[in-house]
C-alpha cells in the first residue's frame, strides 16, 4: 500500500512538472484551426495530421514549461515557497539535468511528429516548426530570455495563439486565408492574456529577480486594465466579424465564456498575494479554453446546421 501511495505521489510530481493547466493553450488552437479548415474551406479532415499536430504542440508546450522550471531555478527565481511552479527541483529534489533531458526528449518526439507532418504536407513547415521550438527554448533560456522582457505576451500569443491555429489550418487545406488569420486573432490575444496573468501574479518576485515584464513596466493596476482590454477586444473582434465579414452568428457562442473573464479581473482587483490570485490565473486560462472551444463549435454548427 505504501508503495502505491509513493508511486502516485511520484506521478503527481511529474504531472505537475508539465503544468497541465497551461496545455490547453496548445490544444485549443489545434482544434480551432482544424474546425476553421472544415468550416471555411470545406476541407476533408486528415485525422492523422490532426493528432500528430496536437501531440507535437502539447509536447512543445510541456517542454517549454520544463525549460522555464530549469532556468528559473538556475537564476535563483524559484524557491520552495514559489507559487505556480511545478516545484520538482526546489520541492522534490529532482535533478535539474533530469528536467532538461526530459524537455529535450519531448522536443525530439515533437520533431519526429513534425517530420511526418512535413512529409504529408510541405517541408516549408519544417523551418516554421524549428523556429517555434527555438522560441520555446529562448522563452526562458539563453542570454536574453523572452519571458523576462516586455515581449513575452506578444511572442507567446503570436506563436501559440496565431501560429498554431494557422499551421493546423494549413496542414488540412494547403493554404492560409484572410478569414483564417482574422479568426485566429482572438486566440493570439487570449494566449497572451494567460502570460500576462502569470506576470501579474509574479510581479513582486519578478521585480526582485530583475525581470522587465510588461506587468512590471506598466505597474500592477495598469496591467490588470491591459488584461481587461485583452478580453474586451477578443469578444468585440468576433462580434465585428459576424457583423462585417459575414462569419456565422453561431460564433457568438463565445459570449458564454464572459463570466470566466469577469471573474479573473474581479479576483485580480480584490486580491494581491500570489496564492490568493491563483484562481484568477485559472479563470484566465479557462477563458482562453472556453472561448476557443466555443468559437470552434460555433464554426462547426454554422457549417453543418
C-alpha atoms as a PDB file:
ATOM      1  CA  UNK A   1       0.000   0.000   0.000  1.00  0.00           C
ATOM      2  CA  UNK A   2       2.843   2.384   0.871  1.00  0.00           C
ATOM      3  CA  UNK A   3       4.486   1.708  -2.493  1.00  0.00           C
ATOM      4  CA  UNK A   4       1.240   2.542  -4.309  1.00  0.00           C
ATOM      5  CA  UNK A   5       0.974   5.853  -2.456  1.00  0.00           C
ATOM      6  CA  UNK A   6       4.605   6.682  -3.214  1.00  0.00           C
ATOM      7  CA  UNK A   7       4.102   5.835  -6.897  1.00  0.00           C
ATOM      8  CA  UNK A   8       1.028   8.028  -7.005  1.00  0.00           C
ATOM      9  CA  UNK A   9       2.949  10.902  -5.443  1.00  0.00           C
ATOM     10  CA  UNK A  10       5.734  10.316  -7.959  1.00  0.00           C
ATOM     11  CA  UNK A  11       3.287  10.519 -10.846  1.00  0.00           C
ATOM     12  CA  UNK A  12       1.795  13.699  -9.377  1.00  0.00           C
ATOM     13  CA  UNK A  13       5.230  15.311  -9.231  1.00  0.00           C
ATOM     14  CA  UNK A  14       5.951  14.615 -12.896  1.00  0.00           C
ATOM     15  CA  UNK A  15       2.419  15.573 -13.932  1.00  0.00           C
ATOM     16  CA  UNK A  16       2.767  18.954 -12.205  1.00  0.00           C
ATOM     17  CA  UNK A  17       6.070  19.463 -13.999  1.00  0.00           C
ATOM     18  CA  UNK A  18       4.205  19.741 -17.301  1.00  0.00           C
ATOM     19  CA  UNK A  19       1.940  22.428 -15.753  1.00  0.00           C
ATOM     20  CA  UNK A  20      -1.176  20.759 -17.211  1.00  0.00           C
ATOM     21  CA  UNK A  21      -3.352  23.851 -16.739  1.00  0.00           C
ATOM     22  CA  UNK A  22      -1.283  25.557 -19.471  1.00  0.00           C
ATOM     23  CA  UNK A  23      -1.602  22.734 -22.024  1.00  0.00           C
ATOM     24  CA  UNK A  24      -4.987  23.993 -23.184  1.00  0.00           C
ATOM     25  CA  UNK A  25      -3.044  26.857 -24.766  1.00  0.00           C
ATOM     26  CA  UNK A  26      -1.704  24.303 -27.248  1.00  0.00           C
ATOM     27  CA  UNK A  27      -4.751  22.017 -27.524  1.00  0.00           C
ATOM     28  CA  UNK A  28      -7.375  24.664 -28.252  1.00  0.00           C
ATOM     29  CA  UNK A  29      -5.514  26.355 -31.167  1.00  0.00           C
ATOM     30  CA  UNK A  30      -5.104  22.990 -32.944  1.00  0.00           C
ATOM     31  CA  UNK A  31      -8.789  22.194 -32.509  1.00  0.00           C
ATOM     32  CA  UNK A  32      -9.778  25.695 -33.618  1.00  0.00           C
ATOM     33  CA  UNK A  33      -7.541  25.663 -36.704  1.00  0.00           C
ATOM     34  CA  UNK A  34      -8.928  22.283 -37.749  1.00  0.00           C
ATOM     35  CA  UNK A  35     -12.522  23.423 -37.265  1.00  0.00           C
ATOM     36  CA  UNK A  36     -11.742  26.517 -39.333  1.00  0.00           C
ATOM     37  CA  UNK A  37     -10.380  24.297 -42.127  1.00  0.00           C
ATOM     38  CA  UNK A  38     -13.677  22.424 -42.310  1.00  0.00           C
ATOM     39  CA  UNK A  39     -15.971  25.425 -41.869  1.00  0.00           C
ATOM     40  CA  UNK A  40     -14.150  27.928 -44.096  1.00  0.00           C
ATOM     41  CA  UNK A  41     -12.571  25.711 -46.768  1.00  0.00           C
ATOM     42  CA  UNK A  42     -14.740  22.580 -46.617  1.00  0.00           C
ATOM     43  CA  UNK A  43     -11.579  20.545 -46.103  1.00  0.00           C
ATOM     44  CA  UNK A  44     -11.740  16.787 -45.701  1.00  0.00           C
ATOM     45  CA  UNK A  45     -10.159  16.441 -42.255  1.00  0.00           C
ATOM     46  CA  UNK A  46      -6.998  14.333 -42.143  1.00  0.00           C
ATOM     47  CA  UNK A  47      -7.120  12.923 -38.623  1.00  0.00           C
ATOM     48  CA  UNK A  48      -3.593  11.546 -38.716  1.00  0.00           C
ATOM     49  CA  UNK A  49      -2.256  15.076 -39.241  1.00  0.00           C
ATOM     50  CA  UNK A  50      -4.641  16.452 -36.646  1.00  0.00           C
ATOM     51  CA  UNK A  51      -3.434  14.124 -33.888  1.00  0.00           C
ATOM     52  CA  UNK A  52       0.222  14.499 -34.902  1.00  0.00           C
ATOM     53  CA  UNK A  53      -0.112  18.290 -34.695  1.00  0.00           C
ATOM     54  CA  UNK A  54      -1.992  18.079 -31.401  1.00  0.00           C
ATOM     55  CA  UNK A  55       0.551  15.825 -29.685  1.00  0.00           C
ATOM     56  CA  UNK A  56       3.534  17.765 -31.043  1.00  0.00           C
ATOM     57  CA  UNK A  57       2.068  21.082 -29.853  1.00  0.00           C
ATOM     58  CA  UNK A  58       1.382  19.767 -26.362  1.00  0.00           C
ATOM     59  CA  UNK A  59       4.865  18.246 -26.116  1.00  0.00           C
ATOM     60  CA  UNK A  60       6.474  21.543 -27.124  1.00  0.00           C
ATOM     61  CA  UNK A  61       4.323  23.386 -24.578  1.00  0.00           C
ATOM     62  CA  UNK A  62       5.236  20.929 -21.824  1.00  0.00           C
ATOM     63  CA  UNK A  63       8.927  21.147 -22.763  1.00  0.00           C
ATOM     64  CA  UNK A  64       8.755  24.943 -22.687  1.00  0.00           C
ATOM     65  CA  UNK A  65       7.336  24.733 -19.155  1.00  0.00           C
ATOM     66  CA  UNK A  66      10.253  22.499 -18.186  1.00  0.00           C
ATOM     67  CA  UNK A  67      12.794  24.913 -19.663  1.00  0.00           C
ATOM     68  CA  UNK A  68      11.099  27.586 -17.563  1.00  0.00           C
ATOM     69  CA  UNK A  69      11.431  25.420 -14.439  1.00  0.00           C
ATOM     70  CA  UNK A  70      15.094  24.722 -15.203  1.00  0.00           C
ATOM     71  CA  UNK A  71      16.227  28.272 -15.926  1.00  0.00           C
ATOM     72  CA  UNK A  72      14.180  29.908 -13.160  1.00  0.00           C
ATOM     73  CA  UNK A  73      15.928  27.551 -10.748  1.00  0.00           C
ATOM     74  CA  UNK A  74      19.350  28.290 -12.233  1.00  0.00           C
ATOM     75  CA  UNK A  75      18.709  32.040 -11.886  1.00  0.00           C
ATOM     76  CA  UNK A  76      17.525  31.639  -8.291  1.00  0.00           C
ATOM     77  CA  UNK A  77      13.961  32.807  -9.021  1.00  0.00           C
ATOM     78  CA  UNK A  78      12.250  29.625  -7.785  1.00  0.00           C
ATOM     79  CA  UNK A  79      12.125  28.682  -4.101  1.00  0.00           C
ATOM     80  CA  UNK A  80      10.113  26.209  -2.052  1.00  0.00           C
ATOM     81  CA  UNK A  81       7.584  28.978  -1.409  1.00  0.00           C
ATOM     82  CA  UNK A  82       7.160  29.966  -5.068  1.00  0.00           C
ATOM     83  CA  UNK A  83       3.578  29.786  -6.342  1.00  0.00           C
ATOM     84  CA  UNK A  84       2.523  28.371  -9.696  1.00  0.00           C
ATOM     85  CA  UNK A  85       5.609  26.286 -10.451  1.00  0.00           C
ATOM     86  CA  UNK A  86       5.950  22.548 -10.958  1.00  0.00           C
ATOM     87  CA  UNK A  87       8.320  22.504  -7.994  1.00  0.00           C
ATOM     88  CA  UNK A  88      10.060  19.282  -8.984  1.00  0.00           C
ATOM     89  CA  UNK A  89      13.504  20.787  -8.373  1.00  0.00           C
ATOM     90  CA  UNK A  90      13.084  23.012  -5.306  1.00  0.00           C
ATOM     91  CA  UNK A  91      10.449  20.897  -3.514  1.00  0.00           C
ATOM     92  CA  UNK A  92      11.035  17.335  -4.628  1.00  0.00           C
ATOM     93  CA  UNK A  93      14.772  17.285  -5.240  1.00  0.00           C
ATOM     94  CA  UNK A  94      14.675  16.232  -8.886  1.00  0.00           C
ATOM     95  CA  UNK A  95      17.958  16.942 -10.663  1.00  0.00           C
ATOM     96  CA  UNK A  96      17.867  19.980 -12.989  1.00  0.00           C
ATOM     97  CA  UNK A  97      19.752  17.841 -15.510  1.00  0.00           C
ATOM     98  CA  UNK A  98      16.875  15.337 -15.460  1.00  0.00           C
ATOM     99  CA  UNK A  99      14.402  18.123 -16.171  1.00  0.00           C
ATOM    100  CA  UNK A 100      16.477  19.262 -19.157  1.00  0.00           C
ATOM    101  CA  UNK A 101      16.783  15.719 -20.510  1.00  0.00           C
ATOM    102  CA  UNK A 102      13.016  15.195 -20.341  1.00  0.00           C
ATOM    103  CA  UNK A 103      12.368  18.539 -22.037  1.00  0.00           C
ATOM    104  CA  UNK A 104      14.790  17.748 -24.854  1.00  0.00           C
ATOM    105  CA  UNK A 105      13.251  14.277 -25.201  1.00  0.00           C
ATOM    106  CA  UNK A 106       9.829  15.883 -25.640  1.00  0.00           C
ATOM    107  CA  UNK A 107      11.345  18.119 -28.303  1.00  0.00           C
ATOM    108  CA  UNK A 108      12.790  15.037 -30.004  1.00  0.00           C
ATOM    109  CA  UNK A 109       9.393  13.318 -30.178  1.00  0.00           C
ATOM    110  CA  UNK A 110       7.774  16.543 -31.414  1.00  0.00           C
ATOM    111  CA  UNK A 111      10.481  16.759 -34.089  1.00  0.00           C
ATOM    112  CA  UNK A 112       9.665  13.252 -35.340  1.00  0.00           C
ATOM    113  CA  UNK A 113       5.982  14.132 -35.497  1.00  0.00           C
ATOM    114  CA  UNK A 114       6.935  17.322 -37.328  1.00  0.00           C
ATOM    115  CA  UNK A 115       8.831  15.306 -39.946  1.00  0.00           C
ATOM    116  CA  UNK A 116       5.701  13.243 -40.542  1.00  0.00           C
ATOM    117  CA  UNK A 117       3.587  16.400 -40.881  1.00  0.00           C
ATOM    118  CA  UNK A 118       6.074  17.947 -43.326  1.00  0.00           C
ATOM    119  CA  UNK A 119       6.266  14.735 -45.369  1.00  0.00           C
ATOM    120  CA  UNK A 120       2.483  14.741 -45.709  1.00  0.00           C
ATOM    121  CA  UNK A 121       2.166  18.478 -46.444  1.00  0.00           C
ATOM    122  CA  UNK A 122       5.103  20.831 -47.084  1.00  0.00           C
ATOM    123  CA  UNK A 123       8.745  20.888 -45.991  1.00  0.00           C
ATOM    124  CA  UNK A 124       8.444  24.651 -45.531  1.00  0.00           C
ATOM    125  CA  UNK A 125       6.704  23.795 -42.288  1.00  0.00           C
ATOM    126  CA  UNK A 126       9.990  22.339 -41.044  1.00  0.00           C
ATOM    127  CA  UNK A 127      11.505  25.816 -40.916  1.00  0.00           C
ATOM    128  CA  UNK A 128       8.452  27.233 -39.147  1.00  0.00           C
ATOM    129  CA  UNK A 129       8.417  24.363 -36.672  1.00  0.00           C
ATOM    130  CA  UNK A 130      12.109  24.750 -35.857  1.00  0.00           C
ATOM    131  CA  UNK A 131      11.608  28.479 -35.273  1.00  0.00           C
ATOM    132  CA  UNK A 132       8.706  27.728 -32.909  1.00  0.00           C
ATOM    133  CA  UNK A 133      10.824  25.206 -30.998  1.00  0.00           C
ATOM    134  CA  UNK A 134      13.708  27.676 -30.784  1.00  0.00           C
ATOM    135  CA  UNK A 135      11.363  30.335 -29.422  1.00  0.00           C
ATOM    136  CA  UNK A 136      10.063  27.813 -26.872  1.00  0.00           C
ATOM    137  CA  UNK A 137      13.637  27.340 -25.636  1.00  0.00           C
ATOM    138  CA  UNK A 138      14.551  31.026 -25.751  1.00  0.00           C
ATOM    139  CA  UNK A 139      11.390  31.957 -23.870  1.00  0.00           C
ATOM    140  CA  UNK A 140      13.246  31.323 -20.610  1.00  0.00           C
ATOM    141  CA  UNK A 141      16.631  30.108 -21.892  1.00  0.00           C
ATOM    142  CA  UNK A 142      19.579  31.848 -23.499  1.00  0.00           C
ATOM    143  CA  UNK A 143      21.285  35.117 -22.517  1.00  0.00           C
ATOM    144  CA  UNK A 144      18.148  37.267 -23.040  1.00  0.00           C
ATOM    145  CA  UNK A 145      15.059  35.231 -22.066  1.00  0.00           C
ATOM    146  CA  UNK A 146      11.888  36.464 -23.766  1.00  0.00           C
ATOM    147  CA  UNK A 147       9.841  35.781 -20.626  1.00  0.00           C
ATOM    148  CA  UNK A 148      11.947  38.275 -18.689  1.00  0.00           C
ATOM    149  CA  UNK A 149      11.226  41.049 -21.211  1.00  0.00           C
ATOM    150  CA  UNK A 150       8.102  43.103 -22.078  1.00  0.00           C
ATOM    151  CA  UNK A 151       7.587  40.918 -25.177  1.00  0.00           C
ATOM    152  CA  UNK A 152       6.545  37.654 -23.524  1.00  0.00           C
ATOM    153  CA  UNK A 153       2.829  38.182 -24.148  1.00  0.00           C
ATOM    154  CA  UNK A 154       3.360  39.188 -27.781  1.00  0.00           C
ATOM    155  CA  UNK A 155       5.688  36.304 -28.633  1.00  0.00           C
ATOM    156  CA  UNK A 156       3.676  33.597 -26.861  1.00  0.00           C
ATOM    157  CA  UNK A 157       0.447  34.893 -28.374  1.00  0.00           C
ATOM    158  CA  UNK A 158       1.881  35.078 -31.886  1.00  0.00           C
ATOM    159  CA  UNK A 159       3.462  31.615 -31.767  1.00  0.00           C
ATOM    160  CA  UNK A 160       0.921  29.607 -29.769  1.00  0.00           C
ATOM    161  CA  UNK A 161      -2.272  31.549 -30.397  1.00  0.00           C
ATOM    162  CA  UNK A 162      -1.877  32.657 -34.006  1.00  0.00           C
ATOM    163  CA  UNK A 163       0.869  30.330 -35.273  1.00  0.00           C
ATOM    164  CA  UNK A 164      -0.535  27.003 -34.104  1.00  0.00           C
ATOM    165  CA  UNK A 165      -4.034  27.871 -35.362  1.00  0.00           C
ATOM    166  CA  UNK A 166      -2.760  28.745 -38.837  1.00  0.00           C
ATOM    167  CA  UNK A 167      -0.452  25.716 -39.053  1.00  0.00           C
ATOM    168  CA  UNK A 168      -3.354  23.452 -38.049  1.00  0.00           C
ATOM    169  CA  UNK A 169      -5.457  25.168 -40.723  1.00  0.00           C
ATOM    170  CA  UNK A 170      -2.719  24.879 -43.348  1.00  0.00           C
ATOM    171  CA  UNK A 171      -1.991  21.170 -42.920  1.00  0.00           C
ATOM    172  CA  UNK A 172      -5.670  20.454 -43.602  1.00  0.00           C
ATOM    173  CA  UNK A 173      -6.181  22.878 -46.503  1.00  0.00           C
ATOM    174  CA  UNK A 174      -2.766  23.581 -48.041  1.00  0.00           C
ATOM    175  CA  UNK A 175      -3.371  27.313 -47.791  1.00  0.00           C
ATOM    176  CA  UNK A 176      -3.899  30.201 -45.373  1.00  0.00           C
ATOM    177  CA  UNK A 177      -6.791  32.606 -45.989  1.00  0.00           C
ATOM    178  CA  UNK A 178      -7.565  36.092 -44.714  1.00  0.00           C
ATOM    179  CA  UNK A 179     -10.604  34.783 -42.836  1.00  0.00           C
ATOM    180  CA  UNK A 180      -8.400  32.212 -41.094  1.00  0.00           C
ATOM    181  CA  UNK A 181      -5.979  34.927 -39.984  1.00  0.00           C
ATOM    182  CA  UNK A 182      -8.806  37.133 -38.740  1.00  0.00           C
ATOM    183  CA  UNK A 183     -10.396  34.314 -36.757  1.00  0.00           C
ATOM    184  CA  UNK A 184      -7.029  33.484 -35.173  1.00  0.00           C
ATOM    185  CA  UNK A 185      -6.575  36.990 -33.725  1.00  0.00           C
ATOM    186  CA  UNK A 186      -8.608  36.410 -30.511  1.00  0.00           C
ATOM    187  CA  UNK A 187      -6.658  33.204 -29.893  1.00  0.00           C
ATOM    188  CA  UNK A 188      -3.432  35.189 -30.133  1.00  0.00           C
ATOM    189  CA  UNK A 189      -4.740  37.802 -27.700  1.00  0.00           C
ATOM    190  CA  UNK A 190      -6.036  35.289 -25.151  1.00  0.00           C
ATOM    191  CA  UNK A 191      -2.842  33.214 -25.088  1.00  0.00           C
ATOM    192  CA  UNK A 192      -1.045  36.492 -24.409  1.00  0.00           C
ATOM    193  CA  UNK A 193      -3.576  37.087 -21.624  1.00  0.00           C
ATOM    194  CA  UNK A 194      -2.520  33.826 -19.950  1.00  0.00           C
ATOM    195  CA  UNK A 195       1.082  35.013 -19.912  1.00  0.00           C
ATOM    196  CA  UNK A 196       0.057  38.449 -18.638  1.00  0.00           C
ATOM    197  CA  UNK A 197      -1.975  36.947 -15.793  1.00  0.00           C
ATOM    198  CA  UNK A 198       1.072  34.897 -14.816  1.00  0.00           C
ATOM    199  CA  UNK A 199       3.227  38.035 -14.782  1.00  0.00           C
ATOM    200  CA  UNK A 200       0.668  39.971 -12.731  1.00  0.00           C
ATOM    201  CA  UNK A 201       0.714  37.235 -10.116  1.00  0.00           C
ATOM    202  CA  UNK A 202       4.527  37.163 -10.032  1.00  0.00           C
ATOM    203  CA  UNK A 203       5.114  40.908 -10.217  1.00  0.00           C
ATOM    204  CA  UNK A 204       6.802  41.172  -6.799  1.00  0.00           C
ATOM    205  CA  UNK A 205       9.090  38.186  -7.216  1.00  0.00           C
ATOM    206  CA  UNK A 206       9.907  39.054 -10.832  1.00  0.00           C
ATOM    207  CA  UNK A 207      10.822  42.603  -9.850  1.00  0.00           C
ATOM    208  CA  UNK A 208      13.188  41.288  -7.186  1.00  0.00           C
ATOM    209  CA  UNK A 209      14.651  38.870  -9.740  1.00  0.00           C
ATOM    210  CA  UNK A 210      15.423  41.637 -12.212  1.00  0.00           C
ATOM    211  CA  UNK A 211      12.787  40.817 -14.818  1.00  0.00           C
ATOM    212  CA  UNK A 212      11.316  43.574 -17.009  1.00  0.00           C
ATOM    213  CA  UNK A 213       7.930  42.108 -17.880  1.00  0.00           C
ATOM    214  CA  UNK A 214       5.045  44.141 -19.247  1.00  0.00           C
ATOM    215  CA  UNK A 215       3.285  43.925 -15.867  1.00  0.00           C
ATOM    216  CA  UNK A 216       6.341  45.367 -14.122  1.00  0.00           C
ATOM    217  CA  UNK A 217       6.819  48.174 -16.637  1.00  0.00           C
ATOM    218  CA  UNK A 218       3.225  49.428 -16.549  1.00  0.00           C
ATOM    219  CA  UNK A 219       2.505  48.591 -12.895  1.00  0.00           C
ATOM    220  CA  UNK A 220       0.004  46.166 -11.397  1.00  0.00           C
ATOM    221  CA  UNK A 221      -3.153  48.270 -11.776  1.00  0.00           C
ATOM    222  CA  UNK A 222      -2.464  49.157 -15.397  1.00  0.00           C
ATOM    223  CA  UNK A 223      -1.521  45.558 -16.142  1.00  0.00           C
ATOM    224  CA  UNK A 224      -4.950  44.445 -14.900  1.00  0.00           C
ATOM    225  CA  UNK A 225      -6.504  47.095 -17.152  1.00  0.00           C
ATOM    226  CA  UNK A 226      -4.486  45.742 -20.091  1.00  0.00           C
ATOM    227  CA  UNK A 227      -5.738  42.250 -19.267  1.00  0.00           C
ATOM    228  CA  UNK A 228      -9.301  43.600 -19.261  1.00  0.00           C
ATOM    229  CA  UNK A 229      -8.650  45.171 -22.665  1.00  0.00           C
ATOM    230  CA  UNK A 230      -7.385  41.826 -23.985  1.00  0.00           C
ATOM    231  CA  UNK A 231     -10.684  40.228 -23.014  1.00  0.00           C
ATOM    232  CA  UNK A 232     -12.835  43.059 -24.376  1.00  0.00           C
ATOM    233  CA  UNK A 233     -11.054  43.180 -27.733  1.00  0.00           C
ATOM    234  CA  UNK A 234     -11.325  39.406 -28.150  1.00  0.00           C
ATOM    235  CA  UNK A 235     -15.115  39.425 -27.767  1.00  0.00           C
ATOM    236  CA  UNK A 236     -15.636  42.583 -29.824  1.00  0.00           C
ATOM    237  CA  UNK A 237     -13.467  41.087 -32.574  1.00  0.00           C
ATOM    238  CA  UNK A 238     -15.839  38.151 -33.063  1.00  0.00           C
ATOM    239  CA  UNK A 239     -18.887  40.416 -32.914  1.00  0.00           C
ATOM    240  CA  UNK A 240     -17.373  42.591 -35.658  1.00  0.00           C
ATOM    241  CA  UNK A 241     -16.514  39.570 -37.805  1.00  0.00           C
ATOM    242  CA  UNK A 242     -20.130  38.442 -37.573  1.00  0.00           C
ATOM    243  CA  UNK A 243     -21.454  41.919 -38.374  1.00  0.00           C
ATOM    244  CA  UNK A 244     -18.952  42.914 -41.079  1.00  0.00           C
ATOM    245  CA  UNK A 245     -17.274  39.814 -42.501  1.00  0.00           C
ATOM    246  CA  UNK A 246     -20.287  37.514 -42.558  1.00  0.00           C
ATOM    247  CA  UNK A 247     -18.849  34.893 -40.188  1.00  0.00           C
ATOM    248  CA  UNK A 248     -21.619  32.632 -38.893  1.00  0.00           C
ATOM    249  CA  UNK A 249     -23.538  34.068 -35.954  1.00  0.00           C
ATOM    250  CA  UNK A 250     -23.052  30.738 -34.183  1.00  0.00           C
ATOM    251  CA  UNK A 251     -19.591  32.008 -33.277  1.00  0.00           C
ATOM    252  CA  UNK A 252     -21.271  34.378 -30.824  1.00  0.00           C
ATOM    253  CA  UNK A 253     -21.378  31.361 -28.533  1.00  0.00           C
ATOM    254  CA  UNK A 254     -18.027  32.680 -27.283  1.00  0.00           C
ATOM    255  CA  UNK A 255     -20.020  35.142 -25.168  1.00  0.00           C
ATOM    256  CA  UNK A 256     -20.826  32.222 -22.847  1.00  0.00           C
ATOM    257  CA  UNK A 257     -17.213  32.402 -21.637  1.00  0.00           C
ATOM    258  CA  UNK A 258     -17.523  36.025 -20.477  1.00  0.00           C
ATOM    259  CA  UNK A 259     -18.185  35.120 -16.786  1.00  0.00           C
ATOM    260  CA  UNK A 260     -14.752  33.465 -16.606  1.00  0.00           C
ATOM    261  CA  UNK A 261     -13.048  36.639 -17.812  1.00  0.00           C
ATOM    262  CA  UNK A 262     -15.045  38.830 -15.436  1.00  0.00           C
ATOM    263  CA  UNK A 263     -14.183  36.591 -12.508  1.00  0.00           C
ATOM    264  CA  UNK A 264     -10.469  36.725 -13.357  1.00  0.00           C
ATOM    265  CA  UNK A 265     -10.456  40.521 -13.364  1.00  0.00           C
ATOM    266  CA  UNK A 266     -12.514  40.681 -10.155  1.00  0.00           C
ATOM    267  CA  UNK A 267     -10.048  38.485  -8.271  1.00  0.00           C
ATOM    268  CA  UNK A 268      -7.003  40.370  -9.573  1.00  0.00           C
ATOM    269  CA  UNK A 269      -8.513  43.657  -8.405  1.00  0.00           C
ATOM    270  CA  UNK A 270      -9.572  42.329  -4.991  1.00  0.00           C
ATOM    271  CA  UNK A 271      -6.507  40.236  -4.135  1.00  0.00           C
ATOM    272  CA  UNK A 272      -2.747  40.695  -4.388  1.00  0.00           C
ATOM    273  CA  UNK A 273      -0.921  37.790  -2.732  1.00  0.00           C
ATOM    274  CA  UNK A 274       0.304  35.230  -5.307  1.00  0.00           C
ATOM    275  CA  UNK A 275      -1.560  32.366  -3.655  1.00  0.00           C
ATOM    276  CA  UNK A 276      -4.778  34.395  -3.489  1.00  0.00           C
ATOM    277  CA  UNK A 277      -4.738  35.317  -7.202  1.00  0.00           C
ATOM    278  CA  UNK A 278      -4.045  31.770  -8.418  1.00  0.00           C
ATOM    279  CA  UNK A 279      -7.783  31.334  -9.161  1.00  0.00           C
ATOM    280  CA  UNK A 280      -7.610  34.422 -11.400  1.00  0.00           C
ATOM    281  CA  UNK A 281      -4.932  32.707 -13.465  1.00  0.00           C
ATOM    282  CA  UNK A 282      -7.136  29.617 -13.668  1.00  0.00           C
ATOM    283  CA  UNK A 283     -10.090  31.691 -14.878  1.00  0.00           C
ATOM    284  CA  UNK A 284      -7.890  33.429 -17.462  1.00  0.00           C
ATOM    285  CA  UNK A 285      -6.748  30.065 -18.822  1.00  0.00           C
ATOM    286  CA  UNK A 286     -10.349  28.841 -18.801  1.00  0.00           C
ATOM    287  CA  UNK A 287     -11.417  31.936 -20.722  1.00  0.00           C
ATOM    288  CA  UNK A 288      -8.957  31.017 -23.463  1.00  0.00           C
ATOM    289  CA  UNK A 289     -10.069  27.376 -23.400  1.00  0.00           C
ATOM    290  CA  UNK A 290     -13.805  28.028 -23.452  1.00  0.00           C
ATOM    291  CA  UNK A 291     -13.544  30.913 -25.936  1.00  0.00           C
ATOM    292  CA  UNK A 292     -11.525  28.862 -28.430  1.00  0.00           C
ATOM    293  CA  UNK A 293     -13.640  25.755 -27.953  1.00  0.00           C
ATOM    294  CA  UNK A 294     -16.920  27.660 -28.318  1.00  0.00           C
ATOM    295  CA  UNK A 295     -15.586  29.503 -31.372  1.00  0.00           C
ATOM    296  CA  UNK A 296     -14.705  26.162 -32.982  1.00  0.00           C
ATOM    297  CA  UNK A 297     -18.092  24.681 -32.079  1.00  0.00           C
ATOM    298  CA  UNK A 298     -19.818  27.778 -33.461  1.00  0.00           C
ATOM    299  CA  UNK A 299     -17.961  27.428 -36.761  1.00  0.00           C
ATOM    300  CA  UNK A 300     -18.875  23.752 -36.985  1.00  0.00           C
ATOM    301  CA  UNK A 301     -22.533  24.471 -36.202  1.00  0.00           C
ATOM    302  CA  UNK A 302     -22.551  27.155 -38.883  1.00  0.00           C
ATOM    303  CA  UNK A 303     -21.181  24.608 -41.332  1.00  0.00           C
ATOM    304  CA  UNK A 304     -23.437  21.676 -40.503  1.00  0.00           C
ATOM    305  CA  UNK A 305     -26.698  23.373 -39.466  1.00  0.00           C
END
